[in-house]
Amino acid sequence: MKIYLLLLIALFASGRAHAAPQVAWKLTHEADLPYDAVLAADEHRLYLGYSGGFYMSRGPGLTFRLTLPDRHVTAIGVGKNAVYAGTLKHGLYRSDSGGVTWENNSVGIDTFDNGPFVDERRYAEVNQILVTRSGTAIACKYHAGTYISTNRGEWWKSTYNLWRVPGNFNNTIRISHDIWSMTETGGYWWAATTANIVRSPDKGKTWQSTKNFKFTRIDDWQEFNGRLYVIRHVFGRWNEDEHNWEYFSEGLPPSPESTHFTSLAVHRGRLFAGDFYSGVYLFDDRSDTFVSVGLQDSRIVDIVSHNDYLYAAVMEDGIYRADIQIVQPYGKAATTWGALKTE
């Protein structure tokens, strides 16, 4: 009888709704980070970029090494054989040594130093670097054009006269100077422009409009369980069957208008989101609800999964990590997330 009672209690506990897990976060790198700090990772290293330069870490991210000083790093792209660093004012750099040594690869890209207009707002920041599955590198410079390289950044070509979508002005609209960020998933290249989110089924040869998204400056994209998720001031998911965007907010703080998601990460088969005002959340895609996993009083500027840990870049604090292990997988008895084990 006691055994059956214990089983019933265990099943009830695993199925209770919206249980808030307790996750221990540990500060591993203390730094005064700006709002545009960026994290990235590959199999071997964790990367950090901000106004202090480019940093790389080996192992569990306890120590970081500065390898690209005197450059404000605003974007990081990780490919199979190269790491790219986009900067404020000084274009792009490539490392063939996993972030240890660097060379400037800005041939063909307008920068603050060589642009026809010395305008910091126009030729300043590289917002994002996307390395596609084929190895093509795409650099997005909002209002300063999008550039593409097929030879690992040796030289870049502007897409101004290449990338267009159907419109009312001469039947086409150039999108190169309107792209904020991009991703590749589901057989498409996706781009967030000033007007809408568009996608290309043929590597940029043609582009298609999607139904209007609430915000056009997408801060991050993530493919999870075969679906595309996007974030900004809302948390959205593309519905391919209905060809539109869905939005979710259940489980977030009472004032969703103040929500500003900054980043997404898939860690151990689960989707996490970092919010600039209220910490890190886990998104349950079965019930379409959020569960807080800590750092609620912190300003999250980026999150990334690296080996056994989920890392969070916290403004004015530095880099935190948490060993988040899902010990209750999907199952018939569980209706929401089960307990999370801390380090």
C-alpha atoms as a PDB file:
ATOM      1  CA  MET A   1       0.000   0.000   0.000  1.00  0.00           C
ATOM      2  CA  LYS A   2       2.823   2.395   0.867  1.00  0.00           C
ATOM      3  CA  ILE A   3       4.503   1.651  -2.461  1.00  0.00           C
ATOM      4  CA  TYR A   4       1.339   2.520  -4.426  1.00  0.00           C
ATOM      5  CA  LEU A   5       0.900   5.698  -2.397  1.00  0.00           C
ATOM      6  CA  LEU A   6       4.463   6.785  -3.131  1.00  0.00           C
ATOM      7  CA  LEU A   7       3.936   6.129  -6.845  1.00  0.00           C
ATOM      8  CA  LEU A   8       0.787   8.229  -6.877  1.00  0.00           C
ATOM      9  CA  ILE A   9       2.565  11.074  -5.116  1.00  0.00           C
ATOM     10  CA  ALA A  10       5.446  10.900  -7.617  1.00  0.00           C
ATOM     11  CA  LEU A  11       3.075  10.976 -10.586  1.00  0.00           C
ATOM     12  CA  PHE A  12       1.168  13.901  -9.132  1.00  0.00           C
ATOM     13  CA  ALA A  13       4.356  15.814  -8.456  1.00  0.00           C
ATOM     14  CA  SER A  14       5.677  15.253 -11.977  1.00  0.00           C
ATOM     15  CA  GLY A  15       2.399  16.463 -13.475  1.00  0.00           C
ATOM     16  CA  ARG A  16       1.689  19.514 -11.355  1.00  0.00           C
ATOM     17  CA  ALA A  17       1.241  22.660 -13.391  1.00  0.00           C
ATOM     18  CA  HIS A  18       3.898  25.348 -13.794  1.00  0.00           C
ATOM     19  CA  ALA A  19       6.227  24.185 -11.005  1.00  0.00           C
ATOM     20  CA  ALA A  20       9.003  26.768 -10.654  1.00  0.00           C
ATOM     21  CA  PRO A  21      12.357  24.956 -10.668  1.00  0.00           C
ATOM     22  CA  GLN A  22      15.178  26.070  -8.428  1.00  0.00           C
ATOM     23  CA  VAL A  23      18.348  26.643 -10.434  1.00  0.00           C
ATOM     24  CA  ALA A  24      21.680  27.710  -8.966  1.00  0.00           C
ATOM     25  CA  TRP A  25      23.624  30.210 -11.086  1.00  0.00           C
ATOM     26  CA  LYS A  26      27.327  30.781 -10.487  1.00  0.00           C
ATOM     27  CA  LEU A  27      29.258  33.909 -11.509  1.00  0.00           C
ATOM     28  CA  THR A  28      32.240  32.669 -13.538  1.00  0.00           C
ATOM     29  CA  HIS A  29      33.552  35.869 -15.188  1.00  0.00           C
ATOM     30  CA  GLU A  30      33.046  39.246 -13.557  1.00  0.00           C
ATOM     31  CA  ALA A  31      32.789  42.136 -16.019  1.00  0.00           C
ATOM     32  CA  ASP A  32      30.841  45.317 -16.622  1.00  0.00           C
ATOM     33  CA  LEU A  33      29.008  44.234 -19.761  1.00  0.00           C
ATOM     34  CA  PRO A  34      27.132  46.620 -22.089  1.00  0.00           C
ATOM     35  CA  TYR A  35      23.699  45.879 -23.521  1.00  0.00           C
ATOM     36  CA  ASP A  36      25.226  44.644 -26.789  1.00  0.00           C
ATOM     37  CA  ALA A  37      27.523  41.978 -25.319  1.00  0.00           C
ATOM     38  CA  VAL A  38      27.354  38.697 -27.248  1.00  0.00           C
ATOM     39  CA  LEU A  39      28.008  35.054 -26.396  1.00  0.00           C
ATOM     40  CA  ALA A  40      28.727  32.192 -28.790  1.00  0.00           C
ATOM     41  CA  ALA A  41      30.120  28.690 -28.524  1.00  0.00           C
ATOM     42  CA  ASP A  42      31.401  25.741 -30.477  1.00  0.00           C
ATOM     43  CA  GLU A  43      32.243  22.245 -29.337  1.00  0.00           C
ATOM     44  CA  HIS A  44      35.465  23.288 -27.650  1.00  0.00           C
ATOM     45  CA  ARG A  45      35.233  26.946 -26.627  1.00  0.00           C
ATOM     46  CA  LEU A  46      32.962  29.622 -25.248  1.00  0.00           C
ATOM     47  CA  TYR A  47      33.262  33.087 -26.825  1.00  0.00           C
ATOM     48  CA  LEU A  48      32.431  36.521 -25.424  1.00  0.00           C
ATOM     49  CA  GLY A  49      32.423  39.824 -27.282  1.00  0.00           C
ATOM     50  CA  TYR A  50      31.776  43.339 -26.017  1.00  0.00           C
ATOM     51  CA  SER A  51      33.404  46.778 -25.792  1.00  0.00           C
ATOM     52  CA  GLY A  52      36.389  45.207 -24.038  1.00  0.00           C
ATOM     53  CA  GLY A  53      37.259  43.052 -27.056  1.00  0.00           C
ATOM     54  CA  PHE A  54      36.945  39.375 -27.967  1.00  0.00           C
ATOM     55  CA  TYR A  55      37.429  36.759 -25.238  1.00  0.00           C
ATOM     56  CA  MET A  56      37.685  32.998 -25.479  1.00  0.00           C
ATOM     57  CA  SER A  57      37.388  30.357 -22.798  1.00  0.00           C
ATOM     58  CA  ARG A  58      38.395  26.730 -22.672  1.00  0.00           C
ATOM     59  CA  GLY A  59      36.802  24.149 -20.438  1.00  0.00           C
ATOM     60  CA  PRO A  60      33.834  25.130 -18.256  1.00  0.00           C
ATOM     61  CA  GLY A  61      34.111  28.881 -18.793  1.00  0.00           C
ATOM     62  CA  LEU A  62      35.768  29.716 -15.499  1.00  0.00           C
ATOM     63  CA  THR A  63      38.448  31.896 -17.091  1.00  0.00           C
ATOM     64  CA  PHE A  64      38.484  34.006 -20.245  1.00  0.00           C
ATOM     65  CA  ARG A  65      41.425  35.123 -22.365  1.00  0.00           C
ATOM     66  CA  LEU A  66      41.450  38.393 -24.331  1.00  0.00           C
ATOM     67  CA  THR A  67      42.570  37.675 -27.915  1.00  0.00           C
ATOM     68  CA  LEU A  68      41.266  40.667 -29.896  1.00  0.00           C
ATOM     69  CA  PRO A  69      41.868  43.838 -27.852  1.00  0.00           C
ATOM     70  CA  ASP A  70      41.009  47.443 -28.741  1.00  0.00           C
ATOM     71  CA  ARG A  71      37.946  46.431 -30.718  1.00  0.00           C
ATOM     72  CA  HIS A  72      34.296  46.705 -29.715  1.00  0.00           C
ATOM     73  CA  VAL A  73      32.955  43.287 -30.733  1.00  0.00           C
ATOM     74  CA  THR A  74      29.235  43.378 -31.516  1.00  0.00           C
ATOM     75  CA  ALA A  75      28.640  40.066 -33.340  1.00  0.00           C
ATOM     76  CA  ILE A  76      30.153  36.586 -33.436  1.00  0.00           C
ATOM     77  CA  GLY A  77      29.674  33.968 -36.141  1.00  0.00           C
ATOM     78  CA  VAL A  78      30.862  30.390 -35.721  1.00  0.00           C
ATOM     79  CA  GLY A  79      31.521  28.175 -38.736  1.00  0.00           C
ATOM     80  CA  LYS A  80      33.038  24.734 -39.188  1.00  0.00           C
ATOM     81  CA  ASN A  81      36.571  26.030 -39.723  1.00  0.00           C
ATOM     82  CA  ALA A  82      36.428  29.679 -38.710  1.00  0.00           C
ATOM     83  CA  VAL A  83      35.194  32.129 -36.117  1.00  0.00           C
ATOM     84  CA  TYR A  84      34.122  35.609 -37.208  1.00  0.00           C
ATOM     85  CA  ALA A  85      33.997  38.763 -35.088  1.00  0.00           C
ATOM     86  CA  GLY A  86      31.989  41.775 -36.208  1.00  0.00           C
ATOM     87  CA  THR A  87      32.961  45.086 -34.665  1.00  0.00           C
ATOM     88  CA  LEU A  88      31.785  48.607 -34.101  1.00  0.00           C
ATOM     89  CA  LYS A  89      33.405  50.801 -36.798  1.00  0.00           C
ATOM     90  CA  HIS A  90      36.200  48.418 -37.874  1.00  0.00           C
ATOM     91  CA  GLY A  91      34.466  45.760 -39.953  1.00  0.00           C
ATOM     92  CA  LEU A  92      35.030  42.024 -39.604  1.00  0.00           C
ATOM     93  CA  TYR A  93      37.793  39.751 -38.373  1.00  0.00           C
ATOM     94  CA  ARG A  94      38.313  36.024 -38.960  1.00  0.00           C
ATOM     95  CA  SER A  95      40.111  33.489 -36.824  1.00  0.00           C
ATOM     96  CA  ASP A  96      41.250  30.110 -38.154  1.00  0.00           C
ATOM     97  CA  SER A  97      42.557  29.111 -34.724  1.00  0.00           C
ATOM     98  CA  GLY A  98      39.369  29.051 -32.694  1.00  0.00           C
ATOM     99  CA  GLY A  99      39.625  32.675 -31.597  1.00  0.00           C
ATOM    100  CA  VAL A 100      43.325  32.632 -30.644  1.00  0.00           C
ATOM    101  CA  THR A 101      44.672  34.798 -33.485  1.00  0.00           C
ATOM    102  CA  TRP A 102      42.843  37.139 -35.883  1.00  0.00           C
ATOM    103  CA  GLU A 103      43.098  38.819 -39.263  1.00  0.00           C
ATOM    104  CA  ASN A 104      40.945  41.622 -40.607  1.00  0.00           C
ATOM    105  CA  ASN A 105      38.638  40.446 -43.404  1.00  0.00           C
ATOM    106  CA  SER A 106      36.736  43.557 -44.452  1.00  0.00           C
ATOM    107  CA  VAL A 107      37.506  43.726 -48.176  1.00  0.00           C
ATOM    108  CA  GLY A 108      34.316  44.937 -49.850  1.00  0.00           C
ATOM    109  CA  ILE A 109      32.596  46.052 -46.637  1.00  0.00           C
ATOM    110  CA  ASP A 110      32.000  49.723 -45.869  1.00  0.00           C
ATOM    111  CA  THR A 111      33.347  50.592 -42.435  1.00  0.00           C
ATOM    112  CA  PHE A 112      33.702  53.739 -40.379  1.00  0.00           C
ATOM    113  CA  ASP A 113      37.254  54.025 -41.681  1.00  0.00           C
ATOM    114  CA  ASN A 114      36.632  53.600 -45.407  1.00  0.00           C
ATOM    115  CA  GLY A 115      32.945  54.322 -46.004  1.00  0.00           C
ATOM    116  CA  PRO A 116      31.969  57.095 -48.436  1.00  0.00           C
ATOM    117  CA  PHE A 117      30.192  58.885 -45.576  1.00  0.00           C
ATOM    118  CA  VAL A 118      31.972  59.255 -42.241  1.00  0.00           C
ATOM    119  CA  ASP A 119      28.832  58.626 -40.259  1.00  0.00           C
ATOM    120  CA  GLU A 120      29.088  56.455 -37.177  1.00  0.00           C
ATOM    121  CA  ARG A 121      25.376  55.692 -37.183  1.00  0.00           C
ATOM    122  CA  ARG A 122      25.455  54.494 -40.778  1.00  0.00           C
ATOM    123  CA  TYR A 123      28.727  52.580 -40.984  1.00  0.00           C
ATOM    124  CA  ALA A 124      29.175  51.486 -37.401  1.00  0.00           C
ATOM    125  CA  GLU A 125      27.868  48.239 -36.048  1.00  0.00           C
ATOM    126  CA  VAL A 126      27.872  44.748 -37.503  1.00  0.00           C
ATOM    127  CA  ASN A 127      24.609  43.471 -36.042  1.00  0.00           C
ATOM    128  CA  GLN A 128      24.929  39.800 -36.889  1.00  0.00           C
ATOM    129  CA  ILE A 129      27.081  37.256 -38.711  1.00  0.00           C
ATOM    130  CA  LEU A 130      25.305  34.189 -40.053  1.00  0.00           C
ATOM    131  CA  VAL A 131      27.338  31.215 -41.250  1.00  0.00           C
ATOM    132  CA  THR A 132      25.053  28.984 -43.307  1.00  0.00           C
ATOM    133  CA  ARG A 133      25.229  25.212 -43.505  1.00  0.00           C
ATOM    134  CA  SER A 134      27.075  25.474 -46.823  1.00  0.00           C
ATOM    135  CA  GLY A 135      29.700  27.730 -45.247  1.00  0.00           C
ATOM    136  CA  THR A 136      28.481  30.980 -46.778  1.00  0.00           C
ATOM    137  CA  ALA A 137      29.035  33.900 -44.403  1.00  0.00           C
ATOM    138  CA  ILE A 138      26.489  36.731 -44.272  1.00  0.00           C
ATOM    139  CA  ALA A 139      27.163  39.962 -42.384  1.00  0.00           C
ATOM    140  CA  CYS A 140      24.245  42.246 -41.520  1.00  0.00           C
ATOM    141  CA  LYS A 141      24.941  45.960 -40.971  1.00  0.00           C
ATOM    142  CA  TYR A 142      21.604  47.642 -40.320  1.00  0.00           C
ATOM    143  CA  HIS A 143      21.164  50.705 -42.608  1.00  0.00           C
ATOM    144  CA  ALA A 144      24.645  50.030 -44.005  1.00  0.00           C
ATOM    145  CA  GLY A 145      23.893  47.006 -46.124  1.00  0.00           C
ATOM    146  CA  THR A 146      24.132  43.239 -45.962  1.00  0.00           C
ATOM    147  CA  TYR A 147      27.228  41.517 -47.310  1.00  0.00           C
ATOM    148  CA  ILE A 148      27.842  37.935 -48.381  1.00  0.00           C
ATOM    149  CA  SER A 149      31.050  35.917 -48.667  1.00  0.00           C
ATOM    150  CA  THR A 150      31.489  32.485 -50.192  1.00  0.00           C
ATOM    151  CA  ASN A 151      35.243  32.242 -49.538  1.00  0.00           C
ATOM    152  CA  ARG A 152      35.397  32.413 -45.747  1.00  0.00           C
ATOM    153  CA  GLY A 153      35.463  36.182 -45.614  1.00  0.00           C
ATOM    154  CA  GLU A 154      38.413  36.763 -47.944  1.00  0.00           C
ATOM    155  CA  TRP A 155      36.208  39.271 -49.714  1.00  0.00           C
ATOM    156  CA  TRP A 156      32.606  40.376 -49.397  1.00  0.00           C
ATOM    157  CA  LYS A 157      29.952  41.425 -51.883  1.00  0.00           C
ATOM    158  CA  SER A 158      27.078  43.782 -51.178  1.00  0.00           C
ATOM    159  CA  THR A 159      23.636  42.270 -51.746  1.00  0.00           C
ATOM    160  CA  TYR A 160      22.084  45.653 -52.529  1.00  0.00           C
ATOM    161  CA  ASN A 161      21.354  44.817 -56.173  1.00  0.00           C
ATOM    162  CA  LEU A 162      20.868  41.105 -55.522  1.00  0.00           C
ATOM    163  CA  TRP A 163      18.241  40.747 -52.806  1.00  0.00           C
ATOM    164  CA  ARG A 164      14.755  42.054 -53.599  1.00  0.00           C
ATOM    165  CA  VAL A 165      11.177  41.198 -52.711  1.00  0.00           C
ATOM    166  CA  PRO A 166       7.986  42.001 -54.643  1.00  0.00           C
ATOM    167  CA  GLY A 167       6.753  45.511 -53.892  1.00  0.00           C
ATOM    168  CA  ASN A 168       5.052  48.614 -55.247  1.00  0.00           C
ATOM    169  CA  PHE A 169       8.130  50.528 -56.388  1.00  0.00           C
ATOM    170  CA  ASN A 170       9.066  49.235 -59.837  1.00  0.00           C
ATOM    171  CA  ASN A 171       7.545  45.972 -58.623  1.00  0.00           C
ATOM    172  CA  THR A 172      10.517  45.285 -56.327  1.00  0.00           C
ATOM    173  CA  ILE A 173      11.955  46.476 -53.027  1.00  0.00           C
ATOM    174  CA  ARG A 174      15.632  46.148 -52.185  1.00  0.00           C
ATOM    175  CA  ILE A 175      16.023  44.624 -48.757  1.00  0.00           C
ATOM    176  CA  SER A 176      19.795  44.652 -48.291  1.00  0.00           C
ATOM    177  CA  HIS A 177      19.910  47.905 -46.283  1.00  0.00           C
ATOM    178  CA  ASP A 178      16.846  46.976 -44.227  1.00  0.00           C
ATOM    179  CA  ILE A 179      17.997  43.656 -42.730  1.00  0.00           C
ATOM    180  CA  TRP A 180      18.494  43.536 -38.978  1.00  0.00           C
ATOM    181  CA  SER A 181      19.239  39.809 -38.581  1.00  0.00           C
ATOM    182  CA  MET A 182      19.017  36.481 -40.418  1.00  0.00           C
ATOM    183  CA  THR A 183      18.830  32.743 -39.860  1.00  0.00           C
ATOM    184  CA  GLU A 184      18.704  29.510 -41.848  1.00  0.00           C
ATOM    185  CA  THR A 185      16.152  26.804 -41.107  1.00  0.00           C
ATOM    186  CA  GLY A 186      13.545  24.621 -42.784  1.00  0.00           C
ATOM    187  CA  GLY A 187      15.176  24.957 -46.186  1.00  0.00           C
ATOM    188  CA  TYR A 188      14.944  28.766 -46.124  1.00  0.00           C
ATOM    189  CA  TRP A 189      17.072  31.789 -45.412  1.00  0.00           C
ATOM    190  CA  TRP A 190      15.033  34.095 -43.171  1.00  0.00           C
ATOM    191  CA  ALA A 191      15.599  37.836 -42.756  1.00  0.00           C
ATOM    192  CA  ALA A 192      14.043  40.429 -40.454  1.00  0.00           C
ATOM    193  CA  THR A 193      13.648  43.717 -42.330  1.00  0.00           C
ATOM    194  CA  THR A 194      12.220  47.121 -41.423  1.00  0.00           C
ATOM    195  CA  ALA A 195       8.908  46.130 -42.982  1.00  0.00           C
ATOM    196  CA  ASN A 196       8.451  42.419 -42.399  1.00  0.00           C
ATOM    197  CA  ILE A 197      10.089  39.025 -42.046  1.00  0.00           C
ATOM    198  CA  VAL A 198      10.962  37.559 -45.434  1.00  0.00           C
ATOM    199  CA  ARG A 199      12.408  34.231 -46.482  1.00  0.00           C
ATOM    200  CA  SER A 200      14.267  32.788 -49.459  1.00  0.00           C
ATOM    201  CA  PRO A 201      13.970  29.158 -50.655  1.00  0.00           C
ATOM    202  CA  ASP A 202      16.947  29.463 -53.030  1.00  0.00           C
ATOM    203  CA  LYS A 203      19.826  31.010 -51.058  1.00  0.00           C
ATOM    204  CA  GLY A 204      18.869  34.603 -51.692  1.00  0.00           C
ATOM    205  CA  LYS A 205      17.912  34.443 -55.374  1.00  0.00           C
ATOM    206  CA  THR A 206      14.265  35.178 -54.618  1.00  0.00           C
ATOM    207  CA  TRP A 207      12.488  36.317 -51.455  1.00  0.00           C
ATOM    208  CA  GLN A 208       8.957  35.842 -50.153  1.00  0.00           C
ATOM    209  CA  SER A 209       7.070  37.969 -47.634  1.00  0.00           C
ATOM    210  CA  THR A 210       5.438  36.407 -44.591  1.00  0.00           C
ATOM    211  CA  LYS A 211       2.464  37.842 -42.756  1.00  0.00           C
ATOM    212  CA  ASN A 212       3.399  40.916 -40.764  1.00  0.00           C
ATOM    213  CA  PHE A 213       5.291  40.282 -37.554  1.00  0.00           C
ATOM    214  CA  LYS A 214       4.634  42.580 -34.584  1.00  0.00           C
ATOM    215  CA  PHE A 215       8.251  43.746 -34.421  1.00  0.00           C
ATOM    216  CA  THR A 216      10.741  43.818 -37.268  1.00  0.00           C
ATOM    217  CA  ARG A 217      14.032  43.985 -35.360  1.00  0.00           C
ATOM    218  CA  ILE A 218      14.408  40.339 -34.428  1.00  0.00           C
ATOM    219  CA  ASP A 219      17.080  39.923 -31.753  1.00  0.00           C
ATOM    220  CA  ASP A 220      17.425  36.160 -32.025  1.00  0.00           C
ATOM    221  CA  TRP A 221      16.121  33.119 -33.890  1.00  0.00           C
ATOM    222  CA  GLN A 222      16.079  29.465 -32.905  1.00  0.00           C
ATOM    223  CA  GLU A 223      14.858  26.247 -34.473  1.00  0.00           C
ATOM    224  CA  PHE A 224      13.329  23.958 -31.862  1.00  0.00           C
ATOM    225  CA  ASN A 225      11.417  20.728 -32.446  1.00  0.00           C
ATOM    226  CA  GLY A 226      11.066  21.560 -36.126  1.00  0.00           C
ATOM    227  CA  ARG A 227       9.636  25.047 -35.540  1.00  0.00           C
ATOM    228  CA  LEU A 228      11.123  28.525 -35.896  1.00  0.00           C
ATOM    229  CA  TYR A 229      11.029  30.820 -32.856  1.00  0.00           C
ATOM    230  CA  VAL A 230      11.819  34.545 -32.841  1.00  0.00           C
ATOM    231  CA  ILE A 231      12.087  37.138 -30.103  1.00  0.00           C
ATOM    232  CA  ARG A 232      12.113  40.859 -29.498  1.00  0.00           C
ATOM    233  CA  HIS A 233       9.435  42.498 -27.335  1.00  0.00           C
ATOM    234  CA  VAL A 234       7.346  39.414 -28.060  1.00  0.00           C
ATOM    235  CA  PHE A 235       7.980  35.699 -28.233  1.00  0.00           C
ATOM    236  CA  GLY A 236       6.796  34.352 -31.572  1.00  0.00           C
ATOM    237  CA  ARG A 237       6.623  31.066 -33.461  1.00  0.00           C
ATOM    238  CA  TRP A 238       6.084  30.500 -37.170  1.00  0.00           C
ATOM    239  CA  ASN A 239       3.093  28.346 -38.054  1.00  0.00           C
ATOM    240  CA  GLU A 240       3.842  26.849 -41.452  1.00  0.00           C
ATOM    241  CA  ASP A 241       0.394  25.272 -41.825  1.00  0.00           C
ATOM    242  CA  GLU A 242      -1.441  28.573 -41.336  1.00  0.00           C
ATOM    243  CA  HIS A 243       1.400  30.683 -42.739  1.00  0.00           C
ATOM    244  CA  ASN A 244       1.398  33.189 -39.888  1.00  0.00           C
ATOM    245  CA  TRP A 245       3.024  34.037 -36.540  1.00  0.00           C
ATOM    246  CA  GLU A 246       1.834  32.904 -33.115  1.00  0.00           C
ATOM    247  CA  TYR A 247       2.657  34.746 -29.878  1.00  0.00           C
ATOM    248  CA  PHE A 248       3.009  33.472 -26.303  1.00  0.00           C
ATOM    249  CA  SER A 249       3.259  35.166 -22.910  1.00  0.00           C
ATOM    250  CA  GLU A 250       1.676  32.865 -20.293  1.00  0.00           C
ATOM    251  CA  GLY A 251       3.968  32.522 -17.298  1.00  0.00           C
ATOM    252  CA  LEU A 252       5.772  35.812 -17.890  1.00  0.00           C
ATOM    253  CA  PRO A 253       5.647  38.717 -15.364  1.00  0.00           C
ATOM    254  CA  PRO A 254       2.333  40.623 -15.071  1.00  0.00           C
ATOM    255  CA  SER A 255       3.538  43.453 -17.325  1.00  0.00           C
ATOM    256  CA  PRO A 256       4.245  41.834 -20.708  1.00  0.00           C
ATOM    257  CA  GLU A 257       4.655  45.273 -22.329  1.00  0.00           C
ATOM    258  CA  SER A 258       7.982  45.574 -20.509  1.00  0.00           C
ATOM    259  CA  THR A 259       9.215  42.228 -21.808  1.00  0.00           C
ATOM    260  CA  HIS A 260      12.306  42.463 -23.954  1.00  0.00           C
ATOM    261  CA  PHE A 261      13.694  39.077 -24.881  1.00  0.00           C
ATOM    262  CA  THR A 262      17.305  39.257 -25.986  1.00  0.00           C
ATOM    263  CA  SER A 263      18.331  35.692 -26.786  1.00  0.00           C
ATOM    264  CA  LEU A 264      17.294  32.076 -27.275  1.00  0.00           C
ATOM    265  CA  ALA A 265      19.202  28.855 -26.622  1.00  0.00           C
ATOM    266  CA  VAL A 266      18.457  25.154 -26.885  1.00  0.00           C
ATOM    267  CA  HIS A 267      20.039  23.354 -23.947  1.00  0.00           C
ATOM    268  CA  ARG A 268      19.701  19.602 -23.384  1.00  0.00           C
ATOM    269  CA  GLY A 269      16.658  19.382 -25.611  1.00  0.00           C
ATOM    270  CA  ARG A 270      14.773  22.313 -24.062  1.00  0.00           C
ATOM    271  CA  LEU A 271      14.241  25.903 -25.223  1.00  0.00           C
ATOM    272  CA  PHE A 272      15.374  28.796 -23.013  1.00  0.00           C
ATOM    273  CA  ALA A 273      14.906  32.555 -23.422  1.00  0.00           C
ATOM    274  CA  GLY A 274      16.805  35.417 -21.799  1.00  0.00           C
ATOM    275  CA  ASP A 275      14.890  38.581 -20.883  1.00  0.00           C
ATOM    276  CA  PHE A 276      16.509  41.971 -20.337  1.00  0.00           C
ATOM    277  CA  TYR A 277      14.221  42.751 -17.401  1.00  0.00           C
ATOM    278  CA  SER A 278      13.401  39.503 -15.627  1.00  0.00           C
ATOM    279  CA  GLY A 279      15.998  36.768 -16.024  1.00  0.00           C
ATOM    280  CA  VAL A 280      15.987  33.426 -17.832  1.00  0.00           C
ATOM    281  CA  TYR A 281      12.921  31.397 -18.778  1.00  0.00           C
ATOM    282  CA  LEU A 282      12.274  27.887 -19.960  1.00  0.00           C
ATOM    283  CA  PHE A 283       9.557  27.553 -22.613  1.00  0.00           C
ATOM    284  CA  ASP A 284       7.348  24.468 -22.482  1.00  0.00           C
ATOM    285  CA  ASP A 285       6.271  23.944 -26.080  1.00  0.00           C
ATOM    286  CA  ARG A 286       3.637  21.388 -25.051  1.00  0.00           C
ATOM    287  CA  SER A 287       1.614  23.814 -22.948  1.00  0.00           C
ATOM    288  CA  ASP A 288       3.056  26.978 -24.591  1.00  0.00           C
ATOM    289  CA  THR A 289       3.952  28.472 -21.218  1.00  0.00           C
ATOM    290  CA  PHE A 290       7.046  29.943 -19.572  1.00  0.00           C
ATOM    291  CA  VAL A 291       8.756  28.864 -16.340  1.00  0.00           C
ATOM    292  CA  SER A 292      11.342  31.096 -14.647  1.00  0.00           C
ATOM    293  CA  VAL A 293      14.720  29.446 -14.071  1.00  0.00           C
ATOM    294  CA  GLY A 294      16.433  32.201 -12.127  1.00  0.00           C
ATOM    295  CA  LEU A 295      18.334  35.478 -12.358  1.00  0.00           C
ATOM    296  CA  GLN A 296      14.986  37.288 -12.136  1.00  0.00           C
ATOM    297  CA  ASP A 297      16.594  40.535 -10.942  1.00  0.00           C
ATOM    298  CA  SER A 298      19.281  40.510 -13.633  1.00  0.00           C
ATOM    299  CA  ARG A 299      19.487  42.158 -17.046  1.00  0.00           C
ATOM    300  CA  ILE A 300      20.138  39.297 -19.464  1.00  0.00           C
ATOM    301  CA  VAL A 301      21.874  40.394 -22.658  1.00  0.00           C
ATOM    302  CA  ASP A 302      22.612  36.940 -24.095  1.00  0.00           C
ATOM    303  CA  ILE A 303      22.434  33.223 -23.294  1.00  0.00           C
ATOM    304  CA  VAL A 304      24.168  30.242 -24.890  1.00  0.00           C
ATOM    305  CA  SER A 305      24.443  26.500 -24.333  1.00  0.00           C
ATOM    306  CA  HIS A 306      27.969  25.140 -24.088  1.00  0.00           C
ATOM    307  CA  ASN A 307      28.641  21.508 -23.183  1.00  0.00           C
ATOM    308  CA  ASP A 308      27.115  20.818 -19.751  1.00  0.00           C
ATOM    309  CA  TYR A 309      26.173  24.379 -18.860  1.00  0.00           C
ATOM    310  CA  LEU A 310      23.767  27.143 -19.820  1.00  0.00           C
ATOM    311  CA  TYR A 311      25.574  30.491 -19.763  1.00  0.00           C
ATOM    312  CA  ALA A 312      24.037  33.940 -19.312  1.00  0.00           C
ATOM    313  CA  ALA A 313      25.706  37.282 -19.968  1.00  0.00           C
ATOM    314  CA  VAL A 314      24.359  39.677 -17.329  1.00  0.00           C
ATOM    315  CA  MET A 315      24.687  43.417 -17.790  1.00  0.00           C
ATOM    316  CA  GLU A 316      26.911  45.064 -15.158  1.00  0.00           C
ATOM    317  CA  ASP A 317      27.765  41.674 -13.600  1.00  0.00           C
ATOM    318  CA  GLY A 318      29.445  39.325 -16.059  1.00  0.00           C
ATOM    319  CA  ILE A 319      28.963  35.703 -17.094  1.00  0.00           C
ATOM    320  CA  TYR A 320      26.901  33.248 -15.051  1.00  0.00           C
ATOM    321  CA  ARG A 321      26.505  29.543 -15.627  1.00  0.00           C
ATOM    322  CA  ALA A 322      24.043  26.898 -14.439  1.00  0.00           C
ATOM    323  CA  ASP A 323      24.120  23.137 -14.694  1.00  0.00           C
ATOM    324  CA  ILE A 324      20.510  22.558 -15.721  1.00  0.00           C
ATOM    325  CA  GLN A 325      19.665  18.897 -16.146  1.00  0.00           C
ATOM    326  CA  ILE A 326      16.173  17.774 -17.031  1.00  0.00           C
ATOM    327  CA  VAL A 327      15.458  14.745 -14.856  1.00  0.00           C
ATOM    328  CA  GLN A 328      11.809  14.378 -15.874  1.00  0.00           C
ATOM    329  CA  PRO A 329      11.566  13.898 -19.658  1.00  0.00           C
ATOM    330  CA  TYR A 330       8.456  14.154 -21.751  1.00  0.00           C
ATOM    331  CA  GLY A 331       5.997  11.488 -20.728  1.00  0.00           C
ATOM    332  CA  LYS A 332       2.323  10.683 -20.398  1.00  0.00           C
ATOM    333  CA  ALA A 333       2.314  11.332 -16.662  1.00  0.00           C
ATOM    334  CA  ALA A 334       3.891  14.779 -16.927  1.00  0.00           C
ATOM    335  CA  THR A 335       1.881  17.756 -18.140  1.00  0.00           C
ATOM    336  CA  THR A 336       4.570  20.386 -17.577  1.00  0.00           C
ATOM    337  CA  TRP A 337       8.284  20.446 -16.876  1.00  0.00           C
ATOM    338  CA  GLY A 338       9.577  18.187 -14.170  1.00  0.00           C
ATOM    339  CA  ALA A 339      12.241  19.022 -11.625  1.00  0.00           C
ATOM    340  CA  LEU A 340      15.543  20.496 -12.694  1.00  0.00           C
ATOM    341  CA  LYS A 341      18.767  19.392 -11.057  1.00  0.00           C
ATOM    342  CA  THR A 342      21.332  22.050 -10.149  1.00  0.00           C
ATOM    343  CA  GLU A 343      25.095  21.829 -10.011  1.00  0.00           C
END
